[in-house]
Structures are given as C-alpha cells and as structure tokens.
Amino acid sequence: MEPPVKLIRLLIIEDHHMIREGIRMMLESRENYLHFEIDEAENGQMGINKILKKDYDIVLIDYQLPVKNGKETLKEIRLYKKDLKVLALSNYDEYSYIQSMIDEGANGYILKNIETAELIKAIETVLSGNNYFSNEVLVKMLDAAKNTEKNVSQHKSGLSKRELEVLELIAHEKTNDEIAGILFIAKRTVDTHRQNLLKKLQVKNTAGLIKAAYDFKLL
C-alpha cells in the first residue's frame, strides 16, 4: 500500500508573477507524495492579510517586496504567528540580508536559483523543525562568523586584564563608584579605563561596551 499523500498548506509572498508560477510548477511536479495547497500574495501586506485569515504550514517570502519588504513583513508576521514556519527566498546572498531575516525569525534562507529537489528538501527540513540554508548562504554565514571571531579576538587581545575587569562590571550595570570599590582603585582610574575602552573598542556609549562584553563572552 502506498503511503498517504501529505498535504502542505503553503503561501508564496513574492511580487513577480513569473517567479510565483515557477515555484508553483516546481512544487506541483512532486505531487506524487506531497500535495501542496498553494496561495499567493504579491506584496507583504497582502501576505499578512492572508495569514490572519488562514492557517498555513509554511510561508515562502521574498526579501525585496513592495509596500513592506521581507524583513518588515516577517517582523509583523511574528506578532501574530510566532510558530509559523517561514522560509526566506531571495536573489540576494549578502550577509546583511540573510542576518536581517534570521533576526526576525526566518527558519531558513534559500536563493531563487534553487533546484526543485532542494526546494522540496528545504520545505521538508523546515517543517520538521530544523533550519535550512542554501550552500551559498551557509558560506556567507560561515565567512561572517569567522570575521566576527577574528575581530573580537583582535579587540580583546588589545585590552589589559584590568580593562576587561572594568568592562565586565560595566556590563553588569555597576556605576563607576561601585567599580572603584569592587576593584579597590580610584574612581578617577575607573573613568580613565572607561574612556580607554570606548576608544579601543570604537564604540560611543555604555550600550556599545555592553555589546562588546557579550561578544567577548564576559557575560
């Protein structure tokens, strides 16, 4: 006996009709074991309206959209449907685009030159509860992670042991007076360390110092 065909309710949010049709054809070509119930939206607001009216298993969303871009649309989707599976679909493989969609809760990021088999694999992977990224996207993410680690290491190695101690206490919301008392140093010395930290880490304020402390894994 053949296994039952699985129904997947899917929404495509994409402003180009030909791309929507191409995705539809790719998915419908595999209906021997998957059946897709496909809806379409040509901009972000239309997509949100459809999501509010119907429960979908997964949404494919372009980054470049009229009215609301993919990031803005996904941010709003997450206000209403926190657990809805969302797969970003884009021509852009720049890390800034990838990270912005991940930050808003995308479960994966694939490129529009994707083959049918990989598109199906991406959808099934995301529906199973895992993330999926195209190989080109993974390379960009790994390169960014290596560069971040390198920059963090360089910055951290440029700080003295005392400066790292002051930075950690700043991140724990201690005042300069409190830091002086904890480290048994003068408040003026703490002020100097703080100014040196701002300069060395190239940040403008306490928020920047706190972020650096997280990057350095001091918290």
Protein backbone atom coordinates (compact mmCIF):
# COMPACT_ATOMS: atom_id res chain seq x y z
CA MET A 1 0.00 0.00 0.00
CA GLU A 2 1.33 3.42 -0.95
CA PRO A 3 1.81 5.93 1.90
CA PRO A 4 -0.83 8.69 2.05
CA VAL A 5 -0.05 11.91 0.24
CA LYS A 6 0.86 14.65 2.71
CA LEU A 7 -0.99 17.96 2.41
CA ILE A 8 1.09 21.11 2.89
CA ARG A 9 -0.66 24.48 3.06
CA LEU A 10 1.79 26.96 1.63
CA LEU A 11 1.78 30.71 0.98
CA ILE A 12 4.13 32.37 -1.52
CA ILE A 13 4.77 36.08 -0.85
CA GLU A 14 6.53 37.28 -3.99
CA ASP A 15 5.88 40.32 -6.19
CA HIS A 16 6.88 38.75 -9.52
CA HIS A 17 4.12 36.66 -11.09
CA MET A 18 6.52 34.54 -13.15
CA ILE A 19 8.52 33.55 -10.07
CA ARG A 20 5.34 32.62 -8.20
CA GLU A 21 4.26 30.50 -11.14
CA GLY A 22 7.70 28.91 -11.36
CA ILE A 23 7.61 27.93 -7.69
CA ARG A 24 4.08 26.59 -8.07
CA MET A 25 5.13 24.44 -11.04
CA MET A 26 8.18 23.13 -9.16
CA LEU A 27 6.10 22.11 -6.16
CA GLU A 28 3.22 20.64 -8.12
CA SER A 29 5.66 18.49 -10.11
CA ARG A 30 6.29 16.48 -6.92
CA GLU A 31 2.69 15.78 -6.01
CA ASN A 32 3.16 12.04 -6.18
CA TYR A 33 3.93 12.08 -2.45
CA LEU A 34 3.32 15.71 -1.43
CA HIS A 35 0.24 17.74 -2.17
CA PHE A 36 0.59 21.49 -1.92
CA GLU A 37 -2.37 23.76 -1.31
CA ILE A 38 -0.79 26.98 -2.58
CA ASP A 39 -1.91 30.57 -2.09
CA GLU A 40 -0.12 33.64 -3.39
CA ALA A 41 0.41 37.24 -2.31
CA GLU A 42 2.17 39.89 -4.39
CA ASN A 43 3.23 42.12 -1.51
CA GLY A 44 3.89 41.95 2.21
CA GLN A 45 0.62 43.45 3.37
CA MET A 46 -1.42 41.07 1.22
CA GLY A 47 0.59 38.21 2.68
CA ILE A 48 -0.12 39.32 6.24
CA ASN A 49 -3.83 39.64 5.46
CA LYS A 50 -3.93 36.07 4.15
CA ILE A 51 -2.01 34.74 7.16
CA LEU A 52 -4.53 36.37 9.51
CA LYS A 53 -7.40 34.62 7.72
CA LYS A 54 -5.92 31.17 7.16
CA ASP A 55 -3.57 28.75 8.89
CA TYR A 56 -0.56 27.84 6.77
CA ASP A 57 2.09 25.21 7.38
CA ILE A 58 4.84 27.26 5.76
CA VAL A 59 5.40 30.60 4.05
CA LEU A 60 7.93 31.33 1.31
CA ILE A 61 8.78 35.03 1.41
CA ASP A 62 10.92 37.19 -0.85
CA TYR A 63 13.19 39.83 0.71
CA GLN A 64 12.51 42.58 -1.83
CA LEU A 65 8.78 43.33 -1.71
CA PRO A 66 6.66 46.40 -2.39
CA VAL A 67 4.70 48.08 0.44
CA LYS A 68 6.65 46.16 3.14
CA ASN A 69 9.96 44.43 2.48
CA GLY A 70 10.56 40.87 3.60
CA LYS A 71 12.12 41.87 6.90
CA GLU A 72 9.25 44.20 7.82
CA THR A 73 6.67 41.67 6.72
CA LEU A 74 8.27 38.85 8.70
CA LYS A 75 8.52 41.05 11.78
CA GLU A 76 4.77 41.66 11.62
CA ILE A 77 4.01 38.01 10.90
CA ARG A 78 5.82 37.07 14.11
CA LEU A 79 3.48 39.35 16.08
CA TYR A 80 0.56 37.11 15.11
CA LYS A 81 2.07 33.72 14.27
CA LYS A 82 5.19 33.08 16.35
CA ASP A 83 5.43 29.39 15.39
CA LEU A 84 4.61 29.65 11.69
CA LYS A 85 7.40 28.19 9.56
CA VAL A 86 8.91 30.83 7.27
CA LEU A 87 11.48 30.24 4.55
CA ALA A 88 13.14 33.33 3.07
CA LEU A 89 13.54 33.23 -0.71
CA SER A 90 15.79 35.79 -2.38
CA ASN A 91 18.19 36.73 -5.16
CA TYR A 92 20.41 38.36 -2.55
CA ASP A 93 23.10 36.35 -0.78
CA GLU A 94 24.68 39.32 1.04
CA TYR A 95 25.15 38.54 4.73
CA SER A 96 23.26 41.66 5.86
CA TYR A 97 20.08 40.45 4.10
CA ILE A 98 20.50 36.93 5.45
CA GLN A 99 21.08 38.04 9.03
CA SER A 100 18.20 40.54 8.98
CA MET A 101 15.75 37.77 8.05
CA ILE A 102 17.20 35.40 10.65
CA ASP A 103 16.91 38.14 13.27
CA GLU A 104 13.20 38.46 12.52
CA GLY A 105 12.65 34.72 12.90
CA ALA A 106 13.15 33.12 9.46
CA ASN A 107 13.60 29.34 9.67
CA GLY A 108 15.82 29.28 6.63
CA TYR A 109 17.14 31.24 3.67
CA ILE A 110 17.36 29.95 0.11
CA LEU A 111 18.19 31.53 -3.24
CA LYS A 112 15.86 31.77 -6.21
CA ASN A 113 18.17 29.71 -8.43
CA ILE A 114 17.29 26.70 -6.31
CA GLU A 115 16.50 23.37 -7.99
CA THR A 116 13.20 21.59 -7.40
CA ALA A 117 14.70 18.78 -5.32
CA GLU A 118 16.46 21.21 -3.00
CA LEU A 119 13.35 23.38 -2.65
CA ILE A 120 11.38 20.33 -1.53
CA LYS A 121 14.20 19.34 0.83
CA ALA A 122 14.25 22.87 2.29
CA ILE A 123 10.50 22.84 2.89
CA GLU A 124 10.53 19.38 4.47
CA THR A 125 13.53 20.29 6.65
CA VAL A 126 11.87 23.44 7.97
CA LEU A 127 8.56 21.66 8.54
CA SER A 128 10.42 19.02 10.57
CA GLY A 129 11.57 21.72 12.97
CA ASN A 130 15.08 22.35 11.64
CA ASN A 131 16.58 25.30 9.81
CA TYR A 132 17.66 25.17 6.19
CA PHE A 133 20.12 27.35 4.28
CA SER A 134 21.35 27.09 0.70
CA ASN A 135 25.02 26.19 0.36
CA GLU A 136 25.87 29.69 -0.93
CA VAL A 137 24.09 31.18 2.07
CA LEU A 138 25.94 28.90 4.50
CA VAL A 139 29.27 30.02 3.04
CA LYS A 140 28.37 33.67 3.63
CA MET A 141 27.27 32.90 7.19
CA LEU A 142 30.49 30.99 7.96
CA ASP A 143 32.65 33.77 6.48
CA ALA A 144 30.82 36.36 8.59
CA ALA A 145 31.24 34.24 11.73
CA LYS A 146 34.98 33.86 11.08
CA ASN A 147 35.39 37.61 10.53
CA THR A 148 33.44 38.39 13.71
CA GLU A 149 35.53 35.94 15.74
CA LYS A 150 38.72 37.43 14.30
CA ASN A 151 37.65 40.99 15.09
CA VAL A 152 36.56 40.04 18.61
CA SER A 153 39.88 38.29 19.23
CA GLN A 154 41.85 41.29 17.98
CA HIS A 155 39.89 43.73 20.14
CA LYS A 156 40.05 41.51 23.20
CA SER A 157 43.82 40.99 22.89
CA GLY A 158 44.24 44.78 22.82
CA LEU A 159 42.72 45.20 26.29
CA SER A 160 44.53 44.87 29.58
CA LYS A 161 43.37 42.50 32.31
CA ARG A 162 42.13 45.46 34.34
CA GLU A 163 40.22 46.90 31.37
CA LEU A 164 38.47 43.55 30.87
CA GLU A 165 37.52 43.54 34.55
CA VAL A 166 36.09 47.06 34.27
CA LEU A 167 34.24 46.12 31.08
CA GLU A 168 32.65 43.11 32.75
CA LEU A 169 31.48 45.22 35.70
CA ILE A 170 30.09 47.89 33.36
CA ALA A 171 28.13 45.17 31.60
CA HIS A 172 26.74 44.15 35.00
CA GLU A 173 25.40 47.73 35.33
CA LYS A 174 27.83 48.77 38.05
CA THR A 175 28.46 52.51 38.46
CA ASN A 176 31.97 53.95 38.38
CA ASP A 177 31.85 54.38 42.17
CA GLU A 178 30.81 50.75 42.62
CA ILE A 179 33.53 49.54 40.24
CA ALA A 180 36.12 51.55 42.13
CA GLY A 181 35.04 49.92 45.38
CA ILE A 182 35.00 46.40 43.96
CA LEU A 183 38.44 46.69 42.34
CA PHE A 184 39.97 48.83 45.13
CA ILE A 185 41.00 51.58 42.73
CA ALA A 186 40.23 55.29 42.50
CA LYS A 187 37.07 56.45 40.73
CA ARG A 188 39.25 58.63 38.50
CA THR A 189 41.11 55.49 37.42
CA VAL A 190 37.79 53.84 36.53
CA ASP A 191 36.89 56.92 34.47
CA THR A 192 40.17 56.57 32.60
CA HIS A 193 39.61 52.87 31.95
CA ARG A 194 36.10 53.61 30.66
CA GLN A 195 37.38 56.24 28.23
CA ASN A 196 40.14 53.90 27.04
CA LEU A 197 37.57 51.14 26.48
CA LEU A 198 35.38 53.44 24.40
CA LYS A 199 38.37 54.42 22.28
CA LYS A 200 39.86 50.95 21.86
CA LEU A 201 36.54 49.26 21.09
CA GLN A 202 35.43 52.12 18.83
CA VAL A 203 32.03 52.46 20.47
CA LYS A 204 30.21 55.60 21.60
CA ASN A 205 28.44 54.71 24.80
CA THR A 206 27.70 52.18 27.54
CA ALA A 207 25.40 50.19 25.25
CA GLY A 208 28.34 49.62 22.92
CA LEU A 209 30.50 48.49 25.84
CA ILE A 210 27.83 46.05 27.00
CA LYS A 211 27.58 44.57 23.49
CA ALA A 212 31.36 44.15 23.46
CA ALA A 213 31.19 42.33 26.80
CA TYR A 214 28.69 39.87 25.29
CA ASP A 215 30.90 39.44 22.21
CA PHE A 216 33.87 38.72 24.48
CA LYS A 217 31.70 36.21 26.41
CA LEU A 218 32.29 38.07 29.66
CA LEU A 219 28.61 37.60 30.49
